[in-house]
Amino acid sequence: MKRISMEYNKPNGPTLNEVRHQLGNTVKWRYHNDDRTGNFGYVKDGKTTYQFGTESPKDRNLKLYRIDIEK
C-alpha cells in the first residue's frame, strides 16, 4: 500500500485555518483564490496532506474535502 485517501462528498469539513492552527507552526500550507477557476488550498504535515476547496469561486471560505496519507 502506498497511500490512503479519504474524500468528503462536498467541501464541508473544517476550514484551512482551523486545520493549520490545530497542527501547529511546522506545517507547510498554501492557498489560491480565483474568481474564475475557483479556490483551493492545502496543508502538508509530514506524509499527510489535507486538501481544501469551495463550492463556488465567490466563496472564499476554504473547507476540507480530502485527506491523503502516504506510506
C-alpha atoms as a PDB file:
ATOM      1  CA  MET A   1       0.000   0.000   0.000  1.00  0.00           C
ATOM      2  CA  LYS A   2       1.387   3.399  -0.978  1.00  0.00           C
ATOM      3  CA  ARG A   3      -1.353   5.832   0.036  1.00  0.00           C
ATOM      4  CA  ILE A   4      -4.733   6.057   1.746  1.00  0.00           C
ATOM      5  CA  SER A   5      -7.222   8.745   0.697  1.00  0.00           C
ATOM      6  CA  MET A   6     -10.445   9.915   2.280  1.00  0.00           C
ATOM      7  CA  GLU A   7     -12.726  12.326   0.452  1.00  0.00           C
ATOM      8  CA  TYR A   8     -15.853  14.242   1.533  1.00  0.00           C
ATOM      9  CA  ASN A   9     -18.860  14.368  -0.819  1.00  0.00           C
ATOM     10  CA  LYS A  10     -18.792  18.162  -0.510  1.00  0.00           C
ATOM     11  CA  PRO A  11     -16.142  20.583   0.762  1.00  0.00           C
ATOM     12  CA  ASN A  12     -17.815  20.971   4.166  1.00  0.00           C
ATOM     13  CA  GLY A  13     -15.147  19.867   6.618  1.00  0.00           C
ATOM     14  CA  PRO A  14     -13.114  22.175   8.847  1.00  0.00           C
ATOM     15  CA  THR A  15     -11.558  25.293   7.336  1.00  0.00           C
ATOM     16  CA  LEU A  16      -7.951  25.590   6.184  1.00  0.00           C
ATOM     17  CA  ASN A  17      -7.147  27.935   9.084  1.00  0.00           C
ATOM     18  CA  GLU A  18      -8.726  25.603  11.658  1.00  0.00           C
ATOM     19  CA  VAL A  19      -6.608  22.663  10.480  1.00  0.00           C
ATOM     20  CA  ARG A  20      -3.462  24.775  10.145  1.00  0.00           C
ATOM     21  CA  HIS A  21      -3.782  26.122  13.697  1.00  0.00           C
ATOM     22  CA  GLN A  22      -4.618  22.664  15.096  1.00  0.00           C
ATOM     23  CA  LEU A  23      -1.471  21.128  13.566  1.00  0.00           C
ATOM     24  CA  GLY A  24       0.893  23.918  14.643  1.00  0.00           C
ATOM     25  CA  ASN A  25       3.597  26.091  13.101  1.00  0.00           C
ATOM     26  CA  THR A  26       5.686  23.342  11.482  1.00  0.00           C
ATOM     27  CA  VAL A  27       3.234  22.535   8.656  1.00  0.00           C
ATOM     28  CA  LYS A  28       3.536  23.781   5.090  1.00  0.00           C
ATOM     29  CA  TRP A  29       0.447  25.416   3.624  1.00  0.00           C
ATOM     30  CA  ARG A  30      -0.732  27.352   0.630  1.00  0.00           C
ATOM     31  CA  TYR A  31      -3.970  28.643  -0.811  1.00  0.00           C
ATOM     32  CA  HIS A  32      -5.119  30.323  -4.016  1.00  0.00           C
ATOM     33  CA  ASN A  33      -8.299  32.312  -4.642  1.00  0.00           C
ATOM     34  CA  ASP A  34      -9.525  32.934  -8.186  1.00  0.00           C
ATOM     35  CA  ASP A  35     -12.965  34.257  -9.168  1.00  0.00           C
ATOM     36  CA  ARG A  36     -12.902  32.326 -12.448  1.00  0.00           C
ATOM     37  CA  THR A  37     -11.293  28.947 -11.756  1.00  0.00           C
ATOM     38  CA  GLY A  38     -12.196  28.538  -8.098  1.00  0.00           C
ATOM     39  CA  ASN A  39     -10.369  28.399  -4.811  1.00  0.00           C
ATOM     40  CA  PHE A  40      -8.123  25.715  -3.396  1.00  0.00           C
ATOM     41  CA  GLY A  41      -5.522  25.150  -0.735  1.00  0.00           C
ATOM     42  CA  TYR A  42      -3.567  22.514   1.110  1.00  0.00           C
ATOM     43  CA  VAL A  43      -1.821  21.847   4.401  1.00  0.00           C
ATOM     44  CA  LYS A  44       1.052  19.340   4.424  1.00  0.00           C
ATOM     45  CA  ASP A  45       2.082  17.762   7.710  1.00  0.00           C
ATOM     46  CA  GLY A  46       4.806  15.186   7.083  1.00  0.00           C
ATOM     47  CA  LYS A  47       3.271  12.440   4.963  1.00  0.00           C
ATOM     48  CA  THR A  48      -0.298  13.688   5.389  1.00  0.00           C
ATOM     49  CA  THR A  49      -1.822  16.236   3.004  1.00  0.00           C
ATOM     50  CA  TYR A  50      -5.127  17.983   3.695  1.00  0.00           C
ATOM     51  CA  GLN A  51      -6.794  19.484   0.601  1.00  0.00           C
ATOM     52  CA  PHE A  52      -9.342  22.302   0.710  1.00  0.00           C
ATOM     53  CA  GLY A  53     -11.764  23.869  -1.738  1.00  0.00           C
ATOM     54  CA  THR A  54     -15.010  25.789  -2.116  1.00  0.00           C
ATOM     55  CA  GLU A  55     -18.252  25.004  -3.900  1.00  0.00           C
ATOM     56  CA  SER A  56     -18.268  28.367  -5.674  1.00  0.00           C
ATOM     57  CA  PRO A  57     -15.494  30.688  -6.950  1.00  0.00           C
ATOM     58  CA  LYS A  58     -17.138  33.532  -4.997  1.00  0.00           C
ATOM     59  CA  ASP A  59     -16.881  31.596  -1.706  1.00  0.00           C
ATOM     60  CA  ARG A  60     -13.518  32.316  -0.004  1.00  0.00           C
ATOM     61  CA  ASN A  61     -14.028  30.015   2.995  1.00  0.00           C
ATOM     62  CA  LEU A  62     -11.850  27.004   2.091  1.00  0.00           C
ATOM     63  CA  LYS A  63     -13.191  23.764   3.591  1.00  0.00           C
ATOM     64  CA  LEU A  64     -11.520  20.365   3.911  1.00  0.00           C
ATOM     65  CA  TYR A  65     -12.607  17.892   1.238  1.00  0.00           C
ATOM     66  CA  ARG A  66      -9.782  15.339   1.030  1.00  0.00           C
ATOM     67  CA  ILE A  67      -7.046  13.795   3.169  1.00  0.00           C
ATOM     68  CA  ASP A  68      -4.129  11.806   1.685  1.00  0.00           C
ATOM     69  CA  ILE A  69      -1.765   9.750   3.853  1.00  0.00           C
ATOM     70  CA  GLU A  70       1.409   8.386   2.247  1.00  0.00           C
ATOM     71  CA  LYS A  71       3.232   5.283   3.440  1.00  0.00           C
END
